[in-house]
């Protein structure tokens, strides 16, 4: 196929390898199932999950430390039971004081 002399095409645009590489880049970058946008979204989700993993690991470590403390000392176990589960001894009265929420108008 010959083009009229009035239309000038850059020599790089006539090269079949350049056209094939450009088509390949466009296909991978935008049209493929694993395109750049989906890769970015997946990486963002991985980063979010990694930060959640680190948070939960620190929470697990804190809970294990509290458990170790509670099992090592009867006084701490009693204090925990009284504060968390509102337990009391037989001869005690338990008073729960709650602050009212104030609304400013």
PDB file of N, CA and C in Angstrom:
ATOM      1  N   UNK A   1       0.851  -1.173   0.000  1.00  0.00           N
ATOM      2  CA  UNK A   1       0.000   0.000   0.000  1.00  0.00           C
ATOM      3  C   UNK A   1       0.896   1.235   0.000  1.00  0.00           C
ATOM      4  N   UNK A   2       0.614   2.126  -0.884  1.00  0.00           N
ATOM      5  CA  UNK A   2       1.386   3.352  -0.982  1.00  0.00           C
ATOM      6  C   UNK A   2       0.505   4.523  -0.605  1.00  0.00           C
ATOM      7  N   UNK A   3       1.105   5.447   0.091  1.00  0.00           N
ATOM      8  CA  UNK A   3       0.386   6.636   0.514  1.00  0.00           C
ATOM      9  C   UNK A   3       0.686   7.777  -0.443  1.00  0.00           C
ATOM     10  N   UNK A   4      -0.276   8.655  -0.588  1.00  0.00           N
ATOM     11  CA  UNK A   4       0.006   9.821  -1.435  1.00  0.00           C
ATOM     12  C   UNK A   4       1.141  10.636  -0.845  1.00  0.00           C
ATOM     13  N   UNK A   5       1.842  11.337  -1.654  1.00  0.00           N
ATOM     14  CA  UNK A   5       2.995  12.117  -1.216  1.00  0.00           C
ATOM     15  C   UNK A   5       2.602  13.265  -0.293  1.00  0.00           C
ATOM     16  N   UNK A   6       1.347  13.704  -0.285  1.00  0.00           N
ATOM     17  CA  UNK A   6       0.955  14.830   0.547  1.00  0.00           C
ATOM     18  C   UNK A   6       0.835  14.445   2.032  1.00  0.00           C
ATOM     19  N   UNK A   7       0.602  13.177   2.352  1.00  0.00           N
ATOM     20  CA  UNK A   7       0.494  12.736   3.748  1.00  0.00           C
ATOM     21  C   UNK A   7       1.872  12.249   4.197  1.00  0.00           C
ATOM     22  N   UNK A   8       2.388  12.879   5.235  1.00  0.00           N
ATOM     23  CA  UNK A   8       3.701  12.508   5.746  1.00  0.00           C
ATOM     24  C   UNK A   8       3.524  11.813   7.102  1.00  0.00           C
ATOM     25  N   UNK A   9       4.039  10.617   7.247  1.00  0.00           N
ATOM     26  CA  UNK A   9       3.983   9.847   8.493  1.00  0.00           C
ATOM     27  C   UNK A   9       5.411   9.699   9.002  1.00  0.00           C
ATOM     28  N   UNK A  10       5.554   9.937  10.273  1.00  0.00           N
ATOM     29  CA  UNK A  10       6.873   9.820  10.896  1.00  0.00           C
ATOM     30  C   UNK A  10       7.375   8.393  10.705  1.00  0.00           C
ATOM     31  N   UNK A  11       8.668   8.216  10.475  1.00  0.00           N
ATOM     32  CA  UNK A  11       9.194   6.864  10.226  1.00  0.00           C
ATOM     33  C   UNK A  11       8.963   5.889  11.390  1.00  0.00           C
ATOM     34  N   UNK A  12       8.947   6.390  12.639  1.00  0.00           N
ATOM     35  CA  UNK A  12       8.699   5.495  13.775  1.00  0.00           C
ATOM     36  C   UNK A  12       7.284   4.926  13.752  1.00  0.00           C
ATOM     37  N   UNK A  13       6.325   5.701  13.256  1.00  0.00           N
ATOM     38  CA  UNK A  13       4.949   5.217  13.213  1.00  0.00           C
ATOM     39  C   UNK A  13       4.740   4.182  12.113  1.00  0.00           C
ATOM     40  N   UNK A  14       5.667   4.077  11.200  1.00  0.00           N
ATOM     41  CA  UNK A  14       5.579   3.071  10.136  1.00  0.00           C
ATOM     42  C   UNK A  14       6.265   1.767  10.540  1.00  0.00           C
ATOM     43  N   UNK A  15       7.033   1.798  11.613  1.00  0.00           N
ATOM     44  CA  UNK A  15       7.765   0.619  12.060  1.00  0.00           C
ATOM     45  C   UNK A  15       6.799  -0.338  12.769  1.00  0.00           C
ATOM     46  N   UNK A  16       6.755  -1.599  12.298  1.00  0.00           N
ATOM     47  CA  UNK A  16       5.802  -2.555  12.861  1.00  0.00           C
ATOM     48  C   UNK A  16       6.155  -2.944  14.299  1.00  0.00           C
ATOM     49  N   UNK A  17       7.414  -2.867  14.694  1.00  0.00           N
ATOM     50  CA  UNK A  17       7.804  -3.196  16.056  1.00  0.00           C
ATOM     51  C   UNK A  17       7.332  -2.124  17.037  1.00  0.00           C
ATOM     52  N   UNK A  18       7.430  -0.883  16.646  1.00  0.00           N
ATOM     53  CA  UNK A  18       6.956   0.217  17.490  1.00  0.00           C
ATOM     54  C   UNK A  18       5.449   0.124  17.662  1.00  0.00           C
ATOM     55  N   UNK A  19       4.738  -0.204  16.593  1.00  0.00           N
ATOM     56  CA  UNK A  19       3.283  -0.339  16.669  1.00  0.00           C
ATOM     57  C   UNK A  19       2.911  -1.509  17.577  1.00  0.00           C
ATOM     58  N   UNK A  20       3.637  -2.628  17.457  1.00  0.00           N
ATOM     59  CA  UNK A  20       3.358  -3.805  18.292  1.00  0.00           C
ATOM     60  C   UNK A  20       3.627  -3.506  19.766  1.00  0.00           C
ATOM     61  N   UNK A  21       4.728  -2.820  20.060  1.00  0.00           N
ATOM     62  CA  UNK A  21       5.057  -2.475  21.453  1.00  0.00           C
ATOM     63  C   UNK A  21       4.034  -1.503  22.017  1.00  0.00           C
ATOM     64  N   UNK A  22       3.624  -0.521  21.230  1.00  0.00           N
ATOM     65  CA  UNK A  22       2.607   0.437  21.690  1.00  0.00           C
ATOM     66  C   UNK A  22       1.286  -0.272  21.969  1.00  0.00           C
ATOM     67  N   UNK A  23       0.890  -1.192  21.092  1.00  0.00           N
ATOM     68  CA  UNK A  23      -0.353  -1.946  21.310  1.00  0.00           C
ATOM     69  C   UNK A  23      -0.242  -2.803  22.565  1.00  0.00           C
ATOM     70  N   UNK A  24       0.919  -3.411  22.772  1.00  0.00           N
ATOM     71  CA  UNK A  24       1.151  -4.236  23.959  1.00  0.00           C
ATOM     72  C   UNK A  24       1.061  -3.402  25.236  1.00  0.00           C
ATOM     73  N   UNK A  25       1.673  -2.238  25.240  1.00  0.00           N
ATOM     74  CA  UNK A  25       1.634  -1.351  26.417  1.00  0.00           C
ATOM     75  C   UNK A  25       0.209  -0.887  26.698  1.00  0.00           C
ATOM     76  N   UNK A  26      -0.518  -0.518  25.670  1.00  0.00           N
ATOM     77  CA  UNK A  26      -1.910  -0.087  25.845  1.00  0.00           C
ATOM     78  C   UNK A  26      -2.749  -1.242  26.375  1.00  0.00           C
ATOM     79  N   UNK A  27      -2.545  -2.437  25.834  1.00  0.00           N
ATOM     80  CA  UNK A  27      -3.310  -3.599  26.287  1.00  0.00           C
ATOM     81  C   UNK A  27      -3.036  -3.889  27.765  1.00  0.00           C
ATOM     82  N   UNK A  28      -1.782  -3.946  28.147  1.00  0.00           N
ATOM     83  CA  UNK A  28      -1.448  -4.250  29.541  1.00  0.00           C
ATOM     84  C   UNK A  28      -1.810  -3.112  30.487  1.00  0.00           C
ATOM     85  N   UNK A  29      -1.671  -1.903  30.025  1.00  0.00           N
ATOM     86  CA  UNK A  29      -1.909  -0.760  30.900  1.00  0.00           C
ATOM     87  C   UNK A  29      -3.372  -0.459  31.148  1.00  0.00           C
ATOM     88  N   UNK A  30      -4.227  -0.740  30.190  1.00  0.00           N
ATOM     89  CA  UNK A  30      -5.605  -0.285  30.318  1.00  0.00           C
ATOM     90  C   UNK A  30      -6.669  -1.355  30.051  1.00  0.00           C
ATOM     91  N   UNK A  31      -6.421  -2.289  29.168  1.00  0.00           N
ATOM     92  CA  UNK A  31      -7.476  -3.196  28.731  1.00  0.00           C
ATOM     93  C   UNK A  31      -7.454  -4.559  29.414  1.00  0.00           C
ATOM     94  N   UNK A  32      -6.335  -4.977  29.924  1.00  0.00           N
ATOM     95  CA  UNK A  32      -6.193  -6.298  30.514  1.00  0.00           C
ATOM     96  C   UNK A  32      -6.891  -6.377  31.870  1.00  0.00           C
ATOM     97  N   UNK A  33      -7.203  -7.591  32.302  1.00  0.00           N
ATOM     98  CA  UNK A  33      -7.836  -7.793  33.607  1.00  0.00           C
ATOM     99  C   UNK A  33      -6.926  -7.306  34.742  1.00  0.00           C
ATOM    100  N   UNK A  34      -5.641  -7.424  34.574  1.00  0.00           N
ATOM    101  CA  UNK A  34      -4.666  -6.990  35.577  1.00  0.00           C
ATOM    102  C   UNK A  34      -4.048  -5.657  35.184  1.00  0.00           C
ATOM    103  N   UNK A  35      -4.877  -4.684  34.848  1.00  0.00           N
ATOM    104  CA  UNK A  35      -4.363  -3.397  34.375  1.00  0.00           C
ATOM    105  C   UNK A  35      -3.781  -2.584  35.531  1.00  0.00           C
ATOM    106  N   UNK A  36      -3.255  -1.431  35.203  1.00  0.00           N
ATOM    107  CA  UNK A  36      -2.577  -0.603  36.204  1.00  0.00           C
ATOM    108  C   UNK A  36      -3.508  -0.163  37.325  1.00  0.00           C
ATOM    109  N   UNK A  37      -4.747   0.189  37.020  1.00  0.00           N
ATOM    110  CA  UNK A  37      -5.692   0.636  38.038  1.00  0.00           C
ATOM    111  C   UNK A  37      -6.007  -0.477  39.027  1.00  0.00           C
ATOM    112  N   UNK A  38      -6.260  -1.670  38.525  1.00  0.00           N
ATOM    113  CA  UNK A  38      -6.557  -2.779  39.439  1.00  0.00           C
ATOM    114  C   UNK A  38      -5.331  -3.143  40.272  1.00  0.00           C
ATOM    115  N   UNK A  39      -4.149  -3.052  39.704  1.00  0.00           N
ATOM    116  CA  UNK A  39      -2.925  -3.319  40.467  1.00  0.00           C
ATOM    117  C   UNK A  39      -2.747  -2.295  41.582  1.00  0.00           C
ATOM    118  N   UNK A  40      -3.037  -1.038  41.288  1.00  0.00           N
ATOM    119  CA  UNK A  40      -2.947   0.010  42.311  1.00  0.00           C
ATOM    120  C   UNK A  40      -3.946  -0.251  43.434  1.00  0.00           C
ATOM    121  N   UNK A  41      -5.183  -0.621  43.084  1.00  0.00           N
ATOM    122  CA  UNK A  41      -6.198  -0.895  44.099  1.00  0.00           C
ATOM    123  C   UNK A  41      -5.817  -2.100  44.952  1.00  0.00           C
ATOM    124  N   UNK A  42      -5.296  -3.132  44.321  1.00  0.00           N
ATOM    125  CA  UNK A  42      -4.872  -4.313  45.075  1.00  0.00           C
ATOM    126  C   UNK A  42      -3.717  -3.991  46.017  1.00  0.00           C
ATOM    127  N   UNK A  43      -2.791  -3.175  45.564  1.00  0.00           N
ATOM    128  CA  UNK A  43      -1.664  -2.797  46.427  1.00  0.00           C
ATOM    129  C   UNK A  43      -2.140  -1.966  47.607  1.00  0.00           C
ATOM    130  N   UNK A  44      -3.106  -1.082  47.370  1.00  0.00           N
ATOM    131  CA  UNK A  44      -3.661  -0.286  48.471  1.00  0.00           C
ATOM    132  C   UNK A  44      -4.346  -1.192  49.492  1.00  0.00           C
ATOM    133  N   UNK A  45      -5.049  -2.203  49.018  1.00  0.00           N
ATOM    134  CA  UNK A  45      -5.711  -3.132  49.943  1.00  0.00           C
ATOM    135  C   UNK A  45      -4.685  -3.950  50.719  1.00  0.00           C
ATOM    136  N   UNK A  46      -3.619  -4.351  50.069  1.00  0.00           N
ATOM    137  CA  UNK A  46      -2.557  -5.091  50.751  1.00  0.00           C
ATOM    138  C   UNK A  46      -1.942  -4.229  51.854  1.00  0.00           C
ATOM    139  N   UNK A  47      -1.692  -2.961  51.551  1.00  0.00           N
ATOM    140  CA  UNK A  47      -1.128  -2.057  52.562  1.00  0.00           C
ATOM    141  C   UNK A  47      -2.077  -1.895  53.739  1.00  0.00           C
ATOM    142  N   UNK A  48      -3.376  -1.769  53.462  1.00  0.00           N
ATOM    143  CA  UNK A  48      -4.368  -1.637  54.525  1.00  0.00           C
ATOM    144  C   UNK A  48      -4.402  -2.893  55.391  1.00  0.00           C
ATOM    145  N   UNK A  49      -4.366  -4.047  54.760  1.00  0.00           N
ATOM    146  CA  UNK A  49      -4.394  -5.303  55.506  1.00  0.00           C
ATOM    147  C   UNK A  49      -3.118  -5.505  56.314  1.00  0.00           C
ATOM    148  N   UNK A  50      -1.993  -5.068  55.795  1.00  0.00           N
ATOM    149  CA  UNK A  50      -0.735  -5.158  56.545  1.00  0.00           C
ATOM    150  C   UNK A  50      -0.781  -4.284  57.800  1.00  0.00           C
ATOM    151  N   UNK A  51      -1.357  -3.086  57.674  1.00  0.00           N
ATOM    152  CA  UNK A  51      -1.454  -2.220  58.849  1.00  0.00           C
ATOM    153  C   UNK A  51      -2.428  -2.810  59.871  1.00  0.00           C
ATOM    154  N   UNK A  52      -3.519  -3.424  59.406  1.00  0.00           N
ATOM    155  CA  UNK A  52      -4.443  -4.088  60.330  1.00  0.00           C
ATOM    156  C   UNK A  52      -3.760  -5.267  61.002  1.00  0.00           C
ATOM    157  N   UNK A  53      -2.951  -5.988  60.256  1.00  0.00           N
ATOM    158  CA  UNK A  53      -2.223  -7.123  60.817  1.00  0.00           C
ATOM    159  C   UNK A  53      -1.286  -6.665  61.936  1.00  0.00           C
ATOM    160  N   UNK A  54      -0.577  -5.575  61.700  1.00  0.00           N
ATOM    161  CA  UNK A  54       0.332  -5.041  62.724  1.00  0.00           C
ATOM    162  C   UNK A  54      -0.454  -4.590  63.948  1.00  0.00           C
ATOM    163  N   UNK A  55      -1.605  -3.938  63.740  1.00  0.00           N
ATOM    164  CA  UNK A  55      -2.428  -3.493  64.858  1.00  0.00           C
ATOM    165  C   UNK A  55      -2.895  -4.679  65.692  1.00  0.00           C
ATOM    166  N   UNK A  56      -3.391  -5.714  65.032  1.00  0.00           N
ATOM    167  CA  UNK A  56      -3.900  -6.858  65.767  1.00  0.00           C
ATOM    168  C   UNK A  56      -2.781  -7.633  66.450  1.00  0.00           C
ATOM    169  N   UNK A  57      -1.612  -7.642  65.867  1.00  0.00           N
ATOM    170  CA  UNK A  57      -0.483  -8.294  66.549  1.00  0.00           C
ATOM    171  C   UNK A  57      -0.143  -7.571  67.852  1.00  0.00           C
ATOM    172  N   UNK A  58      -0.142  -6.235  67.829  1.00  0.00           N
ATOM    173  CA  UNK A  58       0.140  -5.502  69.063  1.00  0.00           C
ATOM    174  C   UNK A  58      -0.970  -5.719  70.086  1.00  0.00           C
ATOM    175  N   UNK A  59      -2.219  -5.786  69.627  1.00  0.00           N
ATOM    176  CA  UNK A  59      -3.322  -6.048  70.549  1.00  0.00           C
ATOM    177  C   UNK A  59      -3.209  -7.445  71.157  1.00  0.00           C
ATOM    178  N   UNK A  60      -2.815  -8.417  70.380  1.00  0.00           N
ATOM    179  CA  UNK A  60      -2.630  -9.778  70.891  1.00  0.00           C
ATOM    180  C   UNK A  60      -1.522  -9.795  71.927  1.00  0.00           C
ATOM    181  N   UNK A  61      -0.434  -9.084  71.656  1.00  0.00           N
ATOM    182  CA  UNK A  61       0.667  -9.020  72.621  1.00  0.00           C
ATOM    183  C   UNK A  61       0.222  -8.370  73.924  1.00  0.00           C
ATOM    184  N   UNK A  62      -0.558  -7.288  73.831  1.00  0.00           N
ATOM    185  CA  UNK A  62      -1.070  -6.633  75.044  1.00  0.00           C
ATOM    186  C   UNK A  62      -1.964  -7.571  75.839  1.00  0.00           C
ATOM    187  N   UNK A  63      -2.840  -8.281  75.143  1.00  0.00           N
ATOM    188  CA  UNK A  63      -3.760  -9.186  75.821  1.00  0.00           C
ATOM    189  C   UNK A  63      -3.007 -10.331  76.485  1.00  0.00           C
ATOM    190  N   UNK A  64      -2.002 -10.853  75.821  1.00  0.00           N
ATOM    191  CA  UNK A  64      -1.201 -11.927  76.430  1.00  0.00           C
ATOM    192  C   UNK A  64      -0.470 -11.438  77.675  1.00  0.00           C
ATOM    193  N   UNK A  65       0.031 -10.209  77.618  1.00  0.00           N
ATOM    194  CA  UNK A  65       0.714  -9.640  78.790  1.00  0.00           C
ATOM    195  C   UNK A  65      -0.267  -9.465  79.951  1.00  0.00           C
ATOM    196  N   UNK A  66      -1.470  -8.965  79.657  1.00  0.00           N
ATOM    197  CA  UNK A  66      -2.486  -8.827  80.709  1.00  0.00           C
ATOM    198  C   UNK A  66      -2.859 -10.190  81.278  1.00  0.00           C
ATOM    199  N   UNK A  67      -2.989 -11.178  80.429  1.00  0.00           N
ATOM    200  CA  UNK A  67      -3.321 -12.522  80.891  1.00  0.00           C
ATOM    201  C   UNK A  67      -2.226 -13.060  81.804  1.00  0.00           C
ATOM    202  N   UNK A  68      -0.982 -12.866  81.415  1.00  0.00           N
ATOM    203  CA  UNK A  68       0.134 -13.322  82.238  1.00  0.00           C
ATOM    204  C   UNK A  68       0.110 -12.641  83.607  1.00  0.00           C
ATOM    205  N   UNK A  69      -0.175 -11.340  83.624  1.00  0.00           N
ATOM    206  CA  UNK A  69      -0.243 -10.616  84.894  1.00  0.00           C
ATOM    207  C   UNK A  69      -1.392 -11.122  85.766  1.00  0.00           C
ATOM    208  N   UNK A  70      -2.543 -11.349  85.158  1.00  0.00           N
ATOM    209  CA  UNK A  70      -3.706 -11.804  85.915  1.00  0.00           C
ATOM    210  C   UNK A  70      -3.490 -13.193  86.499  1.00  0.00           C
ATOM    211  N   UNK A  71      -2.865 -14.067  85.756  1.00  0.00           N
ATOM    212  CA  UNK A  71      -2.664 -15.429  86.239  1.00  0.00           C
ATOM    213  C   UNK A  71      -1.539 -15.519  87.257  1.00  0.00           C
ATOM    214  N   UNK A  72      -0.685 -14.510  87.318  1.00  0.00           N
ATOM    215  CA  UNK A  72       0.440 -14.560  88.250  1.00  0.00           C
ATOM    216  C   UNK A  72       0.105 -13.956  89.612  1.00  0.00           C
ATOM    217  N   UNK A  73      -0.921 -13.130  89.700  1.00  0.00           N
ATOM    218  CA  UNK A  73      -1.205 -12.440  90.958  1.00  0.00           C
ATOM    219  C   UNK A  73      -2.698 -12.513  91.285  1.00  0.00           C
ATOM    220  N   UNK A  74      -3.052 -13.101  92.445  1.00  0.00           N
ATOM    221  CA  UNK A  74      -4.470 -13.159  92.827  1.00  0.00           C
ATOM    222  C   UNK A  74      -5.072 -11.766  93.067  1.00  0.00           C
ATOM    223  N   UNK A  75      -4.250 -10.819  93.549  1.00  0.00           N
ATOM    224  CA  UNK A  75      -4.770  -9.474  93.788  1.00  0.00           C
ATOM    225  C   UNK A  75      -5.170  -8.805  92.475  1.00  0.00           C
ATOM    226  N   UNK A  76      -4.369  -8.955  91.450  1.00  0.00           N
ATOM    227  CA  UNK A  76      -4.699  -8.370  90.146  1.00  0.00           C
ATOM    228  C   UNK A  76      -5.901  -9.056  89.521  1.00  0.00           C
ATOM    229  N   UNK A  77      -6.024 -10.360  89.742  1.00  0.00           N
ATOM    230  CA  UNK A  77      -7.180 -11.091  89.227  1.00  0.00           C
ATOM    231  C   UNK A  77      -8.459 -10.609  89.901  1.00  0.00           C
ATOM    232  N   UNK A  78      -8.402 -10.387  91.216  1.00  0.00           N
ATOM    233  CA  UNK A  78      -9.571  -9.877  91.937  1.00  0.00           C
ATOM    234  C   UNK A  78      -9.924  -8.467  91.469  1.00  0.00           C
ATOM    235  N   UNK A  79      -8.925  -7.619  91.297  1.00  0.00           N
ATOM    236  CA  UNK A  79      -9.172  -6.257  90.825  1.00  0.00           C
ATOM    237  C   UNK A  79      -9.813  -6.272  89.431  1.00  0.00           C
ATOM    238  N   UNK A  80      -9.310  -7.130  88.556  1.00  0.00           N
ATOM    239  CA  UNK A  80      -9.869  -7.241  87.208  1.00  0.00           C
ATOM    240  C   UNK A  80     -11.321  -7.704  87.262  1.00  0.00           C
ATOM    241  N   UNK A  81     -11.611  -8.705  88.076  1.00  0.00           N
ATOM    242  CA  UNK A  81     -12.981  -9.215  88.181  1.00  0.00           C
ATOM    243  C   UNK A  81     -13.917  -8.154  88.734  1.00  0.00           C
ATOM    244  N   UNK A  82     -13.479  -7.394  89.705  1.00  0.00           N
ATOM    245  CA  UNK A  82     -14.315  -6.342  90.280  1.00  0.00           C
ATOM    246  C   UNK A  82     -14.579  -5.225  89.260  1.00  0.00           C
ATOM    247  N   UNK A  83     -13.559  -4.825  88.511  1.00  0.00           N
ATOM    248  CA  UNK A  83     -13.727  -3.708  87.576  1.00  0.00           C
ATOM    249  C   UNK A  83     -14.473  -4.109  86.308  1.00  0.00           C
ATOM    250  N   UNK A  84     -14.144  -5.243  85.754  1.00  0.00           N
ATOM    251  CA  UNK A  84     -14.715  -5.627  84.465  1.00  0.00           C
ATOM    252  C   UNK A  84     -16.076  -6.289  84.588  1.00  0.00           C
ATOM    253  N   UNK A  85     -16.253  -7.138  85.602  1.00  0.00           N
ATOM    254  CA  UNK A  85     -17.484  -7.913  85.714  1.00  0.00           C
ATOM    255  C   UNK A  85     -18.345  -7.510  86.902  1.00  0.00           C
ATOM    256  N   UNK A  86     -17.959  -6.426  87.578  1.00  0.00           N
ATOM    257  CA  UNK A  86     -18.706  -5.872  88.708  1.00  0.00           C
ATOM    258  C   UNK A  86     -18.983  -6.924  89.781  1.00  0.00           C
ATOM    259  N   UNK A  87     -18.005  -7.764  90.052  1.00  0.00           N
ATOM    260  CA  UNK A  87     -18.142  -8.775  91.090  1.00  0.00           C
ATOM    261  C   UNK A  87     -17.880  -8.138  92.443  1.00  0.00           C
ATOM    262  N   UNK A  88     -18.474  -8.746  93.475  1.00  0.00           N
ATOM    263  CA  UNK A  88     -18.304  -8.217  94.824  1.00  0.00           C
ATOM    264  C   UNK A  88     -18.269  -9.365  95.806  1.00  0.00           C
ATOM    265  N   UNK A  89     -17.803  -9.050  97.003  1.00  0.00           N
ATOM    266  CA  UNK A  89     -17.797 -10.043  98.070  1.00  0.00           C
ATOM    267  C   UNK A  89     -19.191 -10.105  98.681  1.00  0.00           C
ATOM    268  N   UNK A  90     -19.437 -11.140  99.488  1.00  0.00           N
ATOM    269  CA  UNK A  90     -20.770 -11.337 100.060  1.00  0.00           C
ATOM    270  C   UNK A  90     -21.205 -10.200 100.979  1.00  0.00           C
ATOM    271  N   UNK A  91     -20.303  -9.648 101.719  1.00  0.00           N
ATOM    272  CA  UNK A  91     -20.680  -8.623 102.697  1.00  0.00           C
ATOM    273  C   UNK A  91     -20.476  -7.202 102.180  1.00  0.00           C
ATOM    274  N   UNK A  92     -20.411  -7.005 100.886  1.00  0.00           N
ATOM    275  CA  UNK A  92     -20.191  -5.676 100.331  1.00  0.00           C
ATOM    276  C   UNK A  92     -21.419  -5.202  99.569  1.00  0.00           C
ATOM    277  N   UNK A  93     -21.553  -3.889  99.514  1.00  0.00           N
ATOM    278  CA  UNK A  93     -22.546  -3.272  98.646  1.00  0.00           C
ATOM    279  C   UNK A  93     -21.801  -2.627  97.483  1.00  0.00           C
ATOM    280  N   UNK A  94     -22.390  -2.724  96.305  1.00  0.00           N
ATOM    281  CA  UNK A  94     -21.745  -2.199  95.121  1.00  0.00           C
ATOM    282  C   UNK A  94     -22.531  -1.006  94.614  1.00  0.00           C
ATOM    283  N   UNK A  95     -21.853   0.121  94.454  1.00  0.00           N
ATOM    284  CA  UNK A  95     -22.464   1.333  93.927  1.00  0.00           C
ATOM    285  C   UNK A  95     -21.801   1.665  92.596  1.00  0.00           C
ATOM    286  N   UNK A  96     -22.608   1.827  91.571  1.00  0.00           N
ATOM    287  CA  UNK A  96     -22.095   2.181  90.247  1.00  0.00           C
ATOM    288  C   UNK A  96     -22.466   3.627  89.985  1.00  0.00           C
ATOM    289  N   UNK A  97     -21.469   4.452  89.758  1.00  0.00           N
ATOM    290  CA  UNK A  97     -21.691   5.876  89.515  1.00  0.00           C
ATOM    291  C   UNK A  97     -21.382   6.151  88.047  1.00  0.00           C
ATOM    292  N   UNK A  98     -22.383   6.626  87.346  1.00  0.00           N
ATOM    293  CA  UNK A  98     -22.203   6.963  85.940  1.00  0.00           C
ATOM    294  C   UNK A  98     -22.434   8.455  85.762  1.00  0.00           C
ATOM    295  N   UNK A  99     -21.591   9.079  84.984  1.00  0.00           N
ATOM    296  CA  UNK A  99     -21.753  10.493  84.713  1.00  0.00           C
ATOM    297  C   UNK A  99     -22.771  10.682  83.607  1.00  0.00           C
ATOM    298  N   UNK A 100     -23.614  11.696  83.766  1.00  0.00           N
ATOM    299  CA  UNK A 100     -24.593  11.976  82.736  1.00  0.00           C
ATOM    300  C   UNK A 100     -23.924  12.754  81.604  1.00  0.00           C
ATOM    301  N   UNK A 101     -24.372  12.487  80.413  1.00  0.00           N
ATOM    302  CA  UNK A 101     -23.821  13.213  79.268  1.00  0.00           C
ATOM    303  C   UNK A 101     -24.484  14.591  79.225  1.00  0.00           C
ATOM    304  N   UNK A 102     -23.690  15.619  79.203  1.00  0.00           N
ATOM    305  CA  UNK A 102     -24.230  16.979  79.138  1.00  0.00           C
ATOM    306  C   UNK A 102     -24.263  17.435  77.697  1.00  0.00           C
ATOM    307  N   UNK A 103     -25.362  18.039  77.332  1.00  0.00           N
ATOM    308  CA  UNK A 103     -25.492  18.589  75.976  1.00  0.00           C
ATOM    309  C   UNK A 103     -25.514  20.106  76.073  1.00  0.00           C
ATOM    310  N   UNK A 104     -24.628  20.732  75.325  1.00  0.00           N
ATOM    311  CA  UNK A 104     -24.591  22.196  75.299  1.00  0.00           C
ATOM    312  C   UNK A 104     -25.497  22.684  74.178  1.00  0.00           C
ATOM    313  N   UNK A 105     -26.323  23.664  74.503  1.00  0.00           N
ATOM    314  CA  UNK A 105     -27.221  24.230  73.486  1.00  0.00           C
ATOM    315  C   UNK A 105     -26.830  25.638  73.167  1.00  0.00           C
TER     316      UNK A 105
END
